[in-house]
Each structure stands twice: as C-alpha cells, then as structure tokens.
N, C-alpha and C. Protein backbone atom coordinates (compact mmCIF):
# COMPACT_ATOMS: atom_id res chain seq x y z
N MET A 1 -32.34 72.54 -22.63
CA MET A 1 -32.89 72.43 -23.85
C MET A 1 -33.34 70.46 -22.94
N SER A 2 -34.36 69.42 -23.08
CA SER A 2 -34.21 67.95 -22.47
C SER A 2 -33.79 67.25 -23.65
N ASN A 3 -33.33 65.95 -23.44
CA ASN A 3 -33.05 65.18 -24.27
C ASN A 3 -33.56 64.86 -25.76
N ASP A 4 -35.50 65.08 -25.12
CA ASP A 4 -36.78 64.25 -26.23
C ASP A 4 -36.68 65.43 -27.22
N THR A 5 -36.02 66.63 -26.79
CA THR A 5 -36.50 68.24 -27.05
C THR A 5 -35.23 67.57 -28.19
N GLN A 6 -34.19 67.33 -28.40
CA GLN A 6 -32.91 67.03 -28.85
C GLN A 6 -33.44 66.34 -30.32
N LYS A 7 -33.83 65.71 -29.47
CA LYS A 7 -34.03 64.73 -30.50
C LYS A 7 -35.08 64.28 -32.03
N ALA A 8 -36.00 65.59 -31.06
CA ALA A 8 -37.45 65.93 -31.97
C ALA A 8 -36.76 66.81 -32.72
N ASP A 9 -36.01 67.75 -32.05
CA ASP A 9 -35.36 68.82 -33.31
C ASP A 9 -34.54 68.29 -34.49
N GLN A 10 -33.63 67.35 -34.15
CA GLN A 10 -33.04 66.63 -35.21
C GLN A 10 -33.74 66.05 -36.53
N ILE A 11 -35.49 65.18 -36.05
CA ILE A 11 -35.99 64.12 -36.83
C ILE A 11 -36.87 65.72 -37.43
N HIS A 12 -37.51 66.14 -36.77
CA HIS A 12 -38.84 67.37 -37.32
C HIS A 12 -38.28 68.45 -36.10
N PRO A 13 -37.93 69.38 -37.83
CA PRO A 13 -38.18 68.89 -38.78
C PRO A 13 -36.32 69.46 -39.71
N PHE A 14 -35.56 68.86 -39.14
CA PHE A 14 -34.09 69.36 -39.08
C PHE A 14 -33.73 68.38 -40.58
N ARG A 15 -34.72 66.82 -40.86
CA ARG A 15 -33.92 66.34 -41.14
C ARG A 15 -34.76 66.20 -42.55
N PHE A 16 -35.95 66.99 -41.79
CA PHE A 16 -37.24 66.86 -43.86
C PHE A 16 -36.48 68.16 -44.68
N TYR A 17 -35.88 69.16 -43.54
CA TYR A 17 -35.31 70.63 -44.89
C TYR A 17 -34.06 69.62 -45.33
N THR A 18 -33.00 68.82 -44.75
CA THR A 18 -32.00 69.08 -45.61
C THR A 18 -32.05 67.87 -46.70
N LYS A 19 -32.96 66.47 -46.40
CA LYS A 19 -33.67 65.84 -46.57
C LYS A 19 -33.81 66.05 -48.28
N LEU A 20 -35.10 67.12 -47.65
CA LEU A 20 -35.82 67.85 -49.25
C LEU A 20 -34.99 68.19 -50.01
N PHE A 21 -33.71 69.44 -49.52
CA PHE A 21 -32.59 69.45 -50.57
C PHE A 21 -31.57 68.89 -51.61
N TYR A 22 -31.51 67.65 -50.59
CA TYR A 22 -30.83 66.36 -51.16
C TYR A 22 -31.29 65.58 -52.40
N VAL A 23 -32.81 66.14 -51.85
CA VAL A 23 -33.60 64.77 -52.42
C VAL A 23 -33.57 65.58 -54.22
N LEU A 24 -33.84 66.92 -53.93
CA LEU A 24 -34.08 67.85 -55.07
C LEU A 24 -32.64 68.31 -55.42
N ASN A 25 -31.63 67.73 -54.88
CA ASN A 25 -29.81 68.48 -55.74
C ASN A 25 -29.62 67.73 -56.45
N HIS A 26 -29.76 66.52 -56.26
CA HIS A 26 -29.81 64.82 -56.68
C HIS A 26 -30.67 64.97 -58.37
N ALA A 27 -31.77 65.39 -58.29
CA ALA A 27 -32.78 65.40 -59.06
C ALA A 27 -32.11 66.56 -60.35
N ARG A 28 -31.97 67.26 -60.17
CA ARG A 28 -31.81 68.23 -61.02
C ARG A 28 -30.10 69.25 -60.93
N ALA A 29 -28.96 68.68 -60.45
CA ALA A 29 -28.00 69.09 -60.56
C ALA A 29 -27.77 68.23 -61.95
N THR A 30 -26.59 68.61 -62.85
CA THR A 30 -26.47 68.82 -64.14
C THR A 30 -24.56 67.95 -64.01
N ALA A 31 -24.75 67.69 -62.38
CA ALA A 31 -22.76 67.51 -62.32
C ALA A 31 -22.88 66.55 -61.47
N GLU A 32 -22.70 65.40 -62.06
CA GLU A 32 -22.13 63.70 -60.79
C GLU A 32 -21.45 64.69 -60.28
N PRO A 33 -22.32 63.84 -58.68
CA PRO A 33 -21.37 64.34 -56.93
C PRO A 33 -19.76 62.99 -57.58
N GLY A 34 -18.61 63.61 -56.98
CA GLY A 34 -17.73 64.00 -56.95
C GLY A 34 -17.26 61.44 -56.24
N PRO A 35 -16.35 61.27 -56.50
CA PRO A 35 -16.08 59.91 -55.97
C PRO A 35 -16.03 59.71 -54.51
N ASN A 36 -16.13 60.58 -53.91
CA ASN A 36 -15.62 60.98 -51.98
C ASN A 36 -17.25 61.50 -51.78
N ALA A 37 -18.12 61.86 -52.68
CA ALA A 37 -19.11 62.89 -51.72
C ALA A 37 -19.71 61.81 -50.87
N LYS A 38 -19.71 62.17 -49.72
CA LYS A 38 -20.44 60.95 -48.91
C LYS A 38 -21.81 61.12 -49.18
N VAL A 39 -23.24 60.43 -48.60
CA VAL A 39 -24.20 59.98 -49.03
C VAL A 39 -25.18 59.66 -47.97
N ASP A 40 -26.04 60.75 -48.24
CA ASP A 40 -27.09 60.92 -46.62
C ASP A 40 -28.75 59.32 -46.71
N LYS A 41 -28.45 58.95 -45.34
CA LYS A 41 -29.03 57.81 -45.98
C LYS A 41 -30.64 57.53 -45.10
N TRP A 42 -30.72 59.09 -44.37
CA TRP A 42 -31.43 58.82 -44.33
C TRP A 42 -33.15 58.66 -44.96
N PHE A 43 -34.46 57.80 -43.87
CA PHE A 43 -35.70 57.68 -44.92
C PHE A 43 -35.70 57.33 -45.39
N ASN A 44 -34.24 56.35 -45.61
CA ASN A 44 -34.08 53.90 -45.98
C ASN A 44 -34.06 54.89 -48.09
N LEU A 45 -34.02 56.14 -48.13
CA LEU A 45 -33.35 57.03 -49.59
C LEU A 45 -31.47 57.37 -49.43
N GLU A 46 -31.12 56.74 -49.64
CA GLU A 46 -29.79 57.00 -50.73
C GLU A 46 -29.86 58.35 -51.18
N THR A 47 -29.50 59.42 -50.99
CA THR A 47 -28.83 60.83 -51.75
C THR A 47 -27.45 61.30 -51.52
N PRO A 48 -26.95 61.47 -52.99
CA PRO A 48 -25.27 62.16 -52.50
C PRO A 48 -25.55 63.63 -51.71
N ASP A 49 -25.02 63.79 -50.53
CA ASP A 49 -24.63 65.27 -50.39
C ASP A 49 -24.14 66.07 -50.79
N SER A 50 -24.19 67.59 -50.83
CA SER A 50 -23.41 68.64 -51.37
C SER A 50 -23.75 69.47 -50.74
N ASP A 51 -22.59 69.89 -50.56
CA ASP A 51 -21.80 71.54 -50.51
C ASP A 51 -22.74 72.39 -50.76
N LEU A 52 -23.70 72.49 -51.35
CA LEU A 52 -24.31 73.89 -52.06
C LEU A 52 -25.74 74.27 -50.51
N PHE A 53 -25.71 73.36 -49.85
CA PHE A 53 -26.36 73.35 -48.48
C PHE A 53 -25.75 73.57 -47.45
N PRO A 54 -24.66 74.90 -47.28
CA PRO A 54 -23.51 74.98 -46.27
C PRO A 54 -24.02 74.65 -44.74
N ARG A 55 -22.72 74.46 -43.75
CA ARG A 55 -23.46 74.07 -42.64
C ARG A 55 -24.27 75.21 -42.23
N GLU A 56 -23.23 76.07 -42.16
CA GLU A 56 -24.37 77.13 -41.91
C GLU A 56 -25.82 77.46 -41.92
N SER A 57 -26.08 77.21 -42.65
CA SER A 57 -27.69 76.89 -43.80
C SER A 57 -28.18 76.22 -42.75
N ARG A 58 -27.95 75.56 -43.04
CA ARG A 58 -27.95 74.18 -42.10
C ARG A 58 -27.94 73.56 -40.81
N ASP A 59 -27.32 75.02 -40.02
CA ASP A 59 -27.66 74.86 -38.41
C ASP A 59 -28.53 75.27 -37.54
N ARG A 60 -29.39 76.56 -38.55
CA ARG A 60 -30.53 77.47 -38.24
C ARG A 60 -31.74 75.87 -38.20
N TYR A 61 -31.97 74.96 -38.61
CA TYR A 61 -33.20 74.12 -38.31
C TYR A 61 -33.06 73.23 -37.79
N LYS A 62 -31.90 73.31 -36.51
CA LYS A 62 -31.16 72.41 -35.91
C LYS A 62 -31.77 72.36 -34.36
N SER A 63 -32.99 73.49 -34.44
CA SER A 63 -32.69 73.89 -32.92
C SER A 63 -34.17 74.77 -32.79
N ILE A 64 -35.28 74.07 -33.97
CA ILE A 64 -36.42 75.03 -34.30
C ILE A 64 -36.84 74.63 -32.68
N SER A 65 -37.32 73.99 -31.73
CA SER A 65 -37.76 74.05 -30.29
C SER A 65 -37.45 75.73 -29.29
N THR A 66 -35.97 75.87 -29.73
CA THR A 66 -35.47 77.00 -28.95
C THR A 66 -36.16 78.20 -29.81
N SER A 67 -35.62 77.46 -31.68
CA SER A 67 -36.58 79.17 -31.78
C SER A 67 -37.97 79.59 -32.04
N LEU A 68 -39.10 78.99 -31.63
CA LEU A 68 -40.52 78.81 -31.52
C LEU A 68 -40.54 79.64 -29.44
N SER A 69 -39.57 78.40 -28.67
CA SER A 69 -39.35 79.52 -27.69
C SER A 69 -39.29 81.87 -27.32
N ALA A 70 -38.57 81.71 -28.58
CA ALA A 70 -37.44 83.10 -28.44
C ALA A 70 -38.96 83.47 -29.39
N SER A 71 -39.86 83.20 -30.65
CA SER A 71 -40.38 83.23 -30.92
C SER A 71 -41.73 84.33 -29.95
N ALA A 72 -42.03 83.43 -28.72
CA ALA A 72 -43.35 83.20 -28.21
C ALA A 72 -42.83 84.32 -26.69
N SER A 73 -41.56 84.47 -26.91
CA SER A 73 -41.26 85.38 -25.50
C SER A 73 -40.68 86.89 -26.16
N ASN A 74 -40.67 87.05 -27.60
CA ASN A 74 -40.90 88.40 -27.93
C ASN A 74 -42.27 88.82 -28.99
N SER A 75 -43.00 88.05 -28.91
CA SER A 75 -44.55 88.17 -29.36
C SER A 75 -45.00 89.59 -29.44
N SER A 76 -44.24 90.31 -28.01
CA SER A 76 -45.05 91.86 -28.05
C SER A 76 -44.45 92.84 -28.91
N SER A 77 -43.54 92.35 -29.05
CA SER A 77 -42.94 93.35 -30.13
C SER A 77 -43.21 93.97 -31.26
N SER A 78 -42.80 95.25 -31.28
CA SER A 78 -43.73 95.82 -32.49
C SER A 78 -43.06 96.03 -33.91
N LEU A 79 -41.40 94.92 -33.63
CA LEU A 79 -40.89 94.27 -34.82
C LEU A 79 -42.13 93.19 -35.54
N SER A 80 -42.04 93.78 -37.04
CA SER A 80 -42.51 92.39 -37.65
C SER A 80 -41.06 92.60 -38.64
N LEU A 81 -41.23 91.24 -39.27
CA LEU A 81 -40.16 90.55 -40.14
C LEU A 81 -41.15 89.98 -41.32
N PRO A 82 -40.14 90.53 -42.14
CA PRO A 82 -41.80 89.76 -42.84
C PRO A 82 -41.03 88.89 -44.10
N SER A 83 -43.23 88.56 -43.58
CA SER A 83 -43.06 86.80 -44.16
C SER A 83 -42.24 85.83 -44.88
N SER A 84 -41.31 86.79 -46.36
CA SER A 84 -40.36 85.94 -47.02
C SER A 84 -39.59 85.67 -46.53
N SER A 85 -39.13 86.21 -45.64
CA SER A 85 -37.51 85.77 -44.75
C SER A 85 -38.34 84.93 -43.27
N PHE A 86 -38.99 85.56 -42.97
CA PHE A 86 -39.30 84.21 -41.47
C PHE A 86 -41.14 84.01 -41.50
N SER A 87 -41.20 82.28 -40.92
CA SER A 87 -42.67 82.77 -41.25
C SER A 87 -43.13 83.05 -40.07
N SER A 88 -44.26 83.62 -40.07
CA SER A 88 -44.66 84.92 -39.27
C SER A 88 -45.55 84.14 -37.94
N SER A 89 -45.97 83.17 -37.98
CA SER A 89 -45.89 82.60 -36.12
C SER A 89 -44.68 81.52 -35.40
N THR A 90 -44.60 81.43 -36.36
CA THR A 90 -42.42 80.86 -35.32
C THR A 90 -41.52 81.36 -35.71
N GLY A 91 -40.76 82.18 -36.47
CA GLY A 91 -39.82 83.10 -36.64
C GLY A 91 -38.96 81.96 -37.38
N VAL A 92 -39.36 80.61 -37.43
CA VAL A 92 -37.80 80.25 -38.10
C VAL A 92 -38.42 80.37 -39.66
N PRO A 93 -36.71 80.38 -39.77
CA PRO A 93 -36.72 81.24 -41.72
C PRO A 93 -37.21 79.70 -42.75
N PRO A 94 -38.14 79.85 -43.64
CA PRO A 94 -38.19 78.96 -44.60
C PRO A 94 -37.44 78.27 -45.31
N LEU A 95 -37.43 76.97 -45.41
CA LEU A 95 -36.58 77.04 -47.37
C LEU A 95 -36.77 77.00 -48.03
N GLU A 96 -35.91 78.16 -49.30
CA GLU A 96 -36.83 78.11 -50.23
C GLU A 96 -35.62 77.54 -51.26
N ILE A 97 -35.97 76.92 -52.20
CA ILE A 97 -34.63 76.41 -53.04
C ILE A 97 -35.23 76.96 -54.18
N GLN A 98 -34.48 77.44 -55.57
CA GLN A 98 -35.00 77.45 -56.23
C GLN A 98 -33.89 76.59 -57.86
N VAL A 99 -34.66 76.28 -58.50
CA VAL A 99 -33.69 75.83 -59.62
C VAL A 99 -33.98 76.52 -60.61
N LEU A 100 -32.73 76.69 -61.05
CA LEU A 100 -32.38 77.62 -61.99
C LEU A 100 -31.23 76.86 -63.27
N LEU A 101 -31.73 77.67 -64.56
CA LEU A 101 -31.45 77.45 -65.70
C LEU A 101 -30.65 78.44 -66.06
N THR A 102 -29.14 78.34 -66.74
CA THR A 102 -28.41 79.62 -66.92
C THR A 102 -27.38 79.11 -67.86
N ILE A 103 -27.83 80.40 -67.88
CA ILE A 103 -27.57 80.85 -69.55
C ILE A 103 -26.11 81.36 -69.97
N PRO A 104 -25.72 80.63 -70.51
CA PRO A 104 -24.49 81.02 -71.04
C PRO A 104 -24.35 82.13 -72.40
N ASP A 105 -23.09 83.11 -71.92
CA ASP A 105 -22.89 84.26 -72.65
C ASP A 105 -23.19 83.89 -74.60
N LEU A 106 -23.67 84.58 -75.17
CA LEU A 106 -23.85 83.97 -76.58
C LEU A 106 -22.82 84.63 -77.10
N ASN A 107 -23.35 84.58 -78.41
CA ASN A 107 -21.84 85.65 -79.54
C ASN A 107 -22.80 86.74 -80.10
N THR A 108 -22.30 87.42 -80.66
CA THR A 108 -22.77 88.19 -81.17
C THR A 108 -23.83 87.97 -82.50
N ASN A 109 -23.80 86.65 -83.14
CA ASN A 109 -24.74 86.06 -84.05
C ASN A 109 -25.37 85.05 -82.93
N GLN A 110 -26.34 85.62 -82.63
CA GLN A 110 -26.65 84.48 -81.86
C GLN A 110 -27.17 85.34 -80.68
N VAL A 111 -28.86 84.82 -80.72
CA VAL A 111 -30.13 84.62 -79.66
C VAL A 111 -30.33 84.09 -78.78
N LEU A 112 -31.45 84.03 -77.90
CA LEU A 112 -32.43 83.78 -77.38
C LEU A 112 -33.68 84.05 -77.41
N VAL A 113 -34.52 81.99 -77.84
CA VAL A 113 -35.57 82.10 -78.62
C VAL A 113 -35.73 80.92 -77.39
N TYR A 114 -37.43 81.10 -77.38
CA TYR A 114 -38.25 80.71 -77.09
C TYR A 114 -39.08 79.14 -78.12
N LEU A 115 -39.41 78.46 -77.47
CA LEU A 115 -40.12 77.43 -78.72
C LEU A 115 -41.40 76.93 -77.80
N PRO A 116 -41.85 77.77 -77.92
CA PRO A 116 -43.72 77.12 -77.18
C PRO A 116 -44.29 75.86 -76.73
N ASP A 117 -43.51 74.96 -78.26
CA ASP A 117 -44.29 73.25 -78.50
C ASP A 117 -42.80 73.32 -79.79
N SER A 118 -42.33 72.32 -79.14
CA SER A 118 -40.46 71.79 -79.58
C SER A 118 -41.34 70.62 -80.31
N SER A 119 -42.55 70.33 -80.24
CA SER A 119 -42.65 69.28 -80.78
C SER A 119 -43.32 69.19 -82.35
N SER A 120 -43.87 70.84 -83.04
CA SER A 120 -44.01 70.90 -83.56
C SER A 120 -42.82 72.16 -84.72
N SER A 121 -42.53 71.72 -85.96
CA SER A 121 -42.36 72.21 -86.59
C SER A 121 -42.70 72.96 -86.88
N THR A 122 -43.17 73.16 -87.04
CA THR A 122 -44.07 75.08 -87.44
C THR A 122 -43.48 75.90 -86.64
N SER A 123 -43.86 75.45 -85.39
CA SER A 123 -43.70 76.43 -83.95
C SER A 123 -42.87 78.07 -84.18
N THR A 124 -43.63 79.12 -83.58
CA THR A 124 -43.03 80.69 -84.15
C THR A 124 -41.94 80.53 -82.71
N ARG A 125 -40.96 80.95 -83.54
CA ARG A 125 -39.54 81.17 -82.71
C ARG A 125 -39.58 82.78 -81.76
N ASN A 126 -40.00 82.63 -80.12
CA ASN A 126 -40.43 83.95 -79.77
C ASN A 126 -38.57 84.20 -78.80
N ARG A 127 -38.05 85.27 -79.96
CA ARG A 127 -36.74 86.32 -79.11
C ARG A 127 -36.85 86.43 -77.31
N VAL A 128 -36.46 86.36 -77.44
CA VAL A 128 -36.01 87.16 -75.47
C VAL A 128 -35.04 87.82 -75.51
N GLN A 129 -35.62 89.02 -75.41
CA GLN A 129 -35.18 90.21 -75.10
C GLN A 129 -35.73 91.01 -73.72
N PRO A 130 -34.50 91.20 -72.57
CA PRO A 130 -32.80 91.16 -72.79
C PRO A 130 -32.94 89.99 -72.47
N THR A 131 -31.89 89.60 -72.62
CA THR A 131 -31.20 88.12 -72.81
C THR A 131 -30.85 87.69 -70.88
N PRO A 132 -31.83 86.94 -70.48
CA PRO A 132 -31.52 86.56 -68.92
C PRO A 132 -30.19 85.48 -68.56
N LYS A 133 -29.28 86.45 -67.03
CA LYS A 133 -28.66 85.29 -66.63
C LYS A 133 -29.20 83.87 -66.56
N HIS A 134 -30.15 83.65 -66.62
CA HIS A 134 -30.89 82.27 -65.52
C HIS A 134 -32.74 82.70 -65.54
N VAL A 135 -33.42 81.66 -65.78
CA VAL A 135 -33.74 81.16 -66.11
C VAL A 135 -34.55 80.17 -64.50
N LEU A 136 -36.10 80.55 -64.06
CA LEU A 136 -36.40 79.68 -62.95
C LEU A 136 -37.42 78.63 -63.78
N LEU A 137 -37.00 77.69 -62.75
CA LEU A 137 -37.87 76.82 -63.69
C LEU A 137 -38.57 76.05 -63.11
N GLU A 138 -38.29 76.33 -61.35
CA GLU A 138 -38.86 75.46 -59.84
C GLU A 138 -38.99 76.24 -59.13
N LYS A 139 -39.58 76.48 -57.98
CA LYS A 139 -38.92 77.02 -57.07
C LYS A 139 -39.72 76.09 -55.54
N TRP A 140 -39.05 75.14 -55.21
CA TRP A 140 -40.08 75.04 -53.51
C TRP A 140 -39.85 75.49 -52.11
N VAL A 141 -40.65 75.55 -51.25
CA VAL A 141 -40.76 75.89 -50.42
C VAL A 141 -40.59 75.67 -48.90
N LEU A 142 -40.53 74.98 -48.48
CA LEU A 142 -40.68 74.25 -46.79
C LEU A 142 -40.76 75.41 -45.97
N GLU A 143 -42.08 75.00 -44.72
CA GLU A 143 -41.91 75.81 -43.87
C GLU A 143 -42.40 74.84 -43.14
N PHE A 144 -41.81 75.45 -41.63
CA PHE A 144 -42.53 75.24 -40.45
C PHE A 144 -43.96 75.68 -39.96
N THR A 145 -44.93 74.87 -39.83
CA THR A 145 -45.57 75.49 -38.88
C THR A 145 -46.43 74.77 -38.06
N PRO A 146 -46.19 75.24 -37.04
CA PRO A 146 -45.94 74.76 -35.42
C PRO A 146 -47.73 73.55 -35.41
N ARG A 147 -48.41 72.81 -34.84
CA ARG A 147 -49.46 72.21 -34.37
C ARG A 147 -49.91 73.02 -33.31
N ASN A 148 -51.37 74.13 -33.33
CA ASN A 148 -51.95 74.20 -32.37
C ASN A 148 -52.41 74.06 -31.39
N ALA A 149 -52.34 74.43 -30.00
CA ALA A 149 -52.45 73.63 -28.52
C ALA A 149 -54.60 73.02 -28.61
N THR A 150 -55.00 73.85 -29.16
CA THR A 150 -56.69 73.41 -29.87
C THR A 150 -57.01 73.48 -30.99
N HIS A 151 -57.51 72.94 -31.60
CA HIS A 151 -58.53 73.27 -33.29
C HIS A 151 -59.99 73.50 -33.30
N ARG A 152 -60.54 73.62 -34.10
CA ARG A 152 -61.29 74.06 -34.17
C ARG A 152 -62.35 73.89 -34.88
N THR A 153 -63.75 73.47 -34.33
CA THR A 153 -64.53 72.23 -35.10
C THR A 153 -66.54 73.72 -35.14
N ARG A 154 -66.87 72.90 -36.50
CA ARG A 154 -68.15 73.62 -36.24
C ARG A 154 -69.64 72.93 -36.39
N ASP A 155 -70.06 73.16 -35.60
CA ASP A 155 -71.63 72.42 -35.33
C ASP A 155 -71.91 72.47 -36.72
N ARG A 156 -72.47 71.37 -36.73
CA ARG A 156 -73.83 71.05 -37.88
C ARG A 156 -75.23 70.51 -37.37
N ASP A 157 -75.78 71.02 -37.76
CA ASP A 157 -77.37 71.16 -37.60
C ASP A 157 -78.08 69.30 -37.39
N ARG A 158 -79.22 69.10 -37.15
CA ARG A 158 -79.49 68.01 -38.07
C ARG A 158 -79.73 67.97 -39.56
N ASP A 159 -80.46 69.02 -40.28
CA ASP A 159 -80.89 68.76 -41.35
C ASP A 159 -79.22 69.11 -42.04
N GLY A 160 -77.72 69.72 -41.22
CA GLY A 160 -76.06 69.21 -41.79
C GLY A 160 -75.88 70.73 -42.14
N ARG A 161 -76.22 71.29 -42.27
CA ARG A 161 -76.02 72.37 -42.26
C ARG A 161 -75.06 73.45 -41.15
N GLU A 162 -73.93 73.85 -41.28
CA GLU A 162 -73.19 74.64 -40.12
C GLU A 162 -73.79 75.78 -39.45
N GLY A 163 -73.07 75.78 -38.15
CA GLY A 163 -73.82 76.62 -37.44
C GLY A 163 -72.40 77.00 -36.59
N ALA A 164 -72.73 77.43 -35.30
CA ALA A 164 -70.60 78.36 -34.73
C ALA A 164 -69.80 77.22 -34.05
N GLU A 165 -68.48 78.12 -34.95
CA GLU A 165 -67.92 77.90 -34.33
C GLU A 165 -67.35 77.36 -33.71
N GLU A 166 -66.86 77.12 -32.52
CA GLU A 166 -66.83 76.54 -31.61
C GLU A 166 -65.15 75.85 -31.21
N ALA A 167 -63.98 76.02 -30.05
CA ALA A 167 -63.25 75.51 -29.85
C ALA A 167 -63.64 73.86 -29.41
N SER A 168 -62.46 73.34 -29.97
CA SER A 168 -63.04 71.56 -29.18
C SER A 168 -62.04 70.57 -28.13
N GLY A 169 -60.69 71.47 -28.43
CA GLY A 169 -59.78 71.25 -27.28
C GLY A 169 -58.32 70.64 -27.45
N PRO A 170 -57.83 70.09 -26.97
CA PRO A 170 -56.35 70.05 -27.69
C PRO A 170 -56.80 68.94 -29.44
N ALA A 171 -55.32 69.42 -29.66
CA ALA A 171 -56.05 68.71 -31.01
C ALA A 171 -55.03 67.37 -31.72
N GLY A 172 -54.63 66.62 -29.93
CA GLY A 172 -54.28 65.44 -29.95
C GLY A 172 -52.92 65.82 -29.21
N SER A 173 -52.73 64.47 -29.00
CA SER A 173 -51.45 64.35 -27.78
C SER A 173 -49.82 64.47 -29.06
N SER A 174 -48.70 64.14 -28.44
CA SER A 174 -47.37 64.34 -29.51
C SER A 174 -47.31 62.48 -30.22
N VAL A 175 -46.50 63.43 -31.46
CA VAL A 175 -46.93 62.08 -32.31
C VAL A 175 -45.25 61.41 -32.45
N ALA A 176 -45.42 60.48 -31.80
CA ALA A 176 -43.78 59.63 -31.65
C ALA A 176 -43.00 60.14 -32.93
N LEU A 177 -41.26 60.02 -32.62
CA LEU A 177 -40.70 60.18 -33.81
C LEU A 177 -40.53 59.08 -34.44
N SER A 178 -40.49 57.74 -34.27
CA SER A 178 -40.69 56.52 -34.77
C SER A 178 -42.17 57.08 -35.69
N THR A 179 -43.28 57.04 -35.42
CA THR A 179 -44.12 57.87 -36.55
C THR A 179 -44.20 59.19 -37.58
N ILE A 180 -43.38 60.21 -36.50
CA ILE A 180 -42.62 60.54 -38.01
C ILE A 180 -41.38 60.28 -39.26
N TYR A 181 -40.94 59.33 -39.13
CA TYR A 181 -40.28 58.63 -39.65
C TYR A 181 -40.65 58.65 -40.62
N LYS A 182 -41.49 57.13 -40.28
CA LYS A 182 -42.18 56.41 -40.83
C LYS A 182 -42.71 57.44 -41.87
N HIS A 183 -43.41 58.12 -41.51
CA HIS A 183 -44.20 58.65 -42.47
C HIS A 183 -42.96 59.41 -44.18
N GLY A 184 -41.87 59.92 -43.44
CA GLY A 184 -41.10 60.78 -43.80
C GLY A 184 -40.58 59.41 -44.82
N ILE A 185 -40.76 58.45 -44.96
CA ILE A 185 -39.87 57.54 -46.37
C ILE A 185 -41.13 57.32 -46.97
N PRO A 186 -42.43 57.05 -47.19
CA PRO A 186 -43.56 57.19 -48.33
C PRO A 186 -43.23 58.83 -48.83
N LEU A 187 -43.16 59.74 -47.59
CA LEU A 187 -42.72 61.36 -48.68
C LEU A 187 -42.00 61.39 -49.19
N PHE A 188 -40.65 61.13 -49.07
CA PHE A 188 -39.31 61.26 -49.80
C PHE A 188 -39.63 60.68 -51.12
N ARG A 189 -39.93 59.13 -51.21
CA ARG A 189 -39.78 58.56 -52.23
C ARG A 189 -40.90 59.03 -53.20
N SER A 190 -41.70 60.03 -52.55
CA SER A 190 -43.08 59.84 -53.35
C SER A 190 -42.66 61.76 -54.41
N LEU A 191 -41.64 62.30 -53.72
CA LEU A 191 -40.57 62.93 -54.15
C LEU A 191 -39.82 62.57 -54.93
N PHE A 192 -39.05 61.79 -54.18
CA PHE A 192 -38.33 61.01 -56.05
C PHE A 192 -38.43 60.95 -57.25
N SER A 193 -39.95 60.06 -56.50
CA SER A 193 -40.63 59.45 -59.04
C SER A 193 -40.86 61.05 -58.58
N LEU A 194 -41.44 61.96 -58.06
CA LEU A 194 -42.33 62.89 -59.15
C LEU A 194 -41.23 64.13 -59.98
N LEU A 195 -39.99 64.10 -59.04
CA LEU A 195 -39.18 64.68 -59.26
C LEU A 195 -38.68 64.56 -60.85
N ARG A 196 -38.95 63.25 -61.28
CA ARG A 196 -38.55 62.65 -62.61
C ARG A 196 -39.47 62.72 -63.77
N ILE A 197 -40.71 63.87 -62.93
CA ILE A 197 -41.19 62.80 -64.29
C ILE A 197 -42.15 64.68 -64.47
N LEU A 198 -41.76 65.67 -64.03
CA LEU A 198 -41.62 67.21 -63.77
C LEU A 198 -41.27 67.31 -65.22
N PRO A 199 -41.69 68.65 -65.73
CA PRO A 199 -41.16 68.73 -67.17
C PRO A 199 -39.44 69.45 -67.33
N ALA A 200 -38.85 69.75 -65.51
CA ALA A 200 -37.74 70.40 -65.65
C ALA A 200 -36.60 69.12 -65.63
N TRP A 201 -37.36 67.73 -65.64
CA TRP A 201 -36.30 66.82 -65.19
C TRP A 201 -35.73 66.51 -66.78
N LYS A 202 -36.29 66.83 -67.11
CA LYS A 202 -35.72 66.96 -69.12
C LYS A 202 -34.43 68.35 -69.75
C-alpha cells in the first residue's frame, strides 16, 4: 500500500468514523469523562475519547483501500453478505450507533408509562407492557460509498425534456486530503450543534 493510500485511509474515512462516535458519545453520555480521558482534536473540535469504541472495532476502518481491493477480487463469488452487516458495494461494514435509554428494574408497585404530551396536565398515561430493558432513542449509520469511475447524465432536448441516459466519462479527479479535512470541520461542528437541539438531548 502506498504512503498516499495510507494517509487517505487515515483521514477518509477512518477519522470520520471515529469522530462521529466521539461527537455522538459526548452529546448523549450521561456520565462525565474521567479526569485522565484523552481528547480527540481532529477537525478542530475537541471531544473526549471513549472506551466504548474499542480499538478492535476501530481498526477495521483503518484500511478501507485494502477492503475495497479484497471486495473487487471476490466480486465473482456466489457468497453474498447481508446489507445490514456489510456495504454491498465495498465489503466495508457500516458503523451503526444506537442511543439507548436504559430502563431500571421496577418495584412491584411501579409501572412504566408513556406520556404523549408531557406539557399537558390532562395527558393520558399509557402503560408500556411488557417493560423493556432499553428504549431506542436514536440510530445513526455511517456507510462508506466510493465514488464511481464514471457518472451518468441525461440528454435534454431544446424543450428541456429528458432523453436517453449516457455515460459522460470520469466523475472527477481525486479530492486533496486537505480539502477533505476542511470539509469535515463544518460537518462535525454542525453535527455538534444538531445533537443539542434534537429531542434526545433532553
């Protein structure tokens, strides 16, 4: 693997996977990070590191180029993996992050209820049966999709009507790593703010 490929794998998409987890964990964790917790500073956004994303889970995203090569060489195989486990086009597993609300053990005189509108004093309380162990509040999925070698466009006649679809050649040159990094800065800053206005923030 060339040095340029290794650099690309480190920034795109490995750092996007890890940063997404750290930003989500920072916004949704109910426990404060320890005093000795490491701080991730990628994309000019400081977020605490977390042991909830262990090294063995992160390492699979460090060599996307190798995974793509293996996927291409095995494309003739009859074995198909479910889309929930692997990307159908790359063989790279998507990162799925679930934000769960843990339900504590209830006493004999306690029940779990749901209030459709907590701002109203006359809201009907709906009992939740059976009592779940967890409630799924959010699910975030990050999936890597490589750029196609060619992209397709549709012809339009003088009246603006669409005609036949045909290939138009290369989809574009490679994006510089510095450009990818710069685009990641506003992306994660926007996500940082969005996570604090969504309902699960409460």
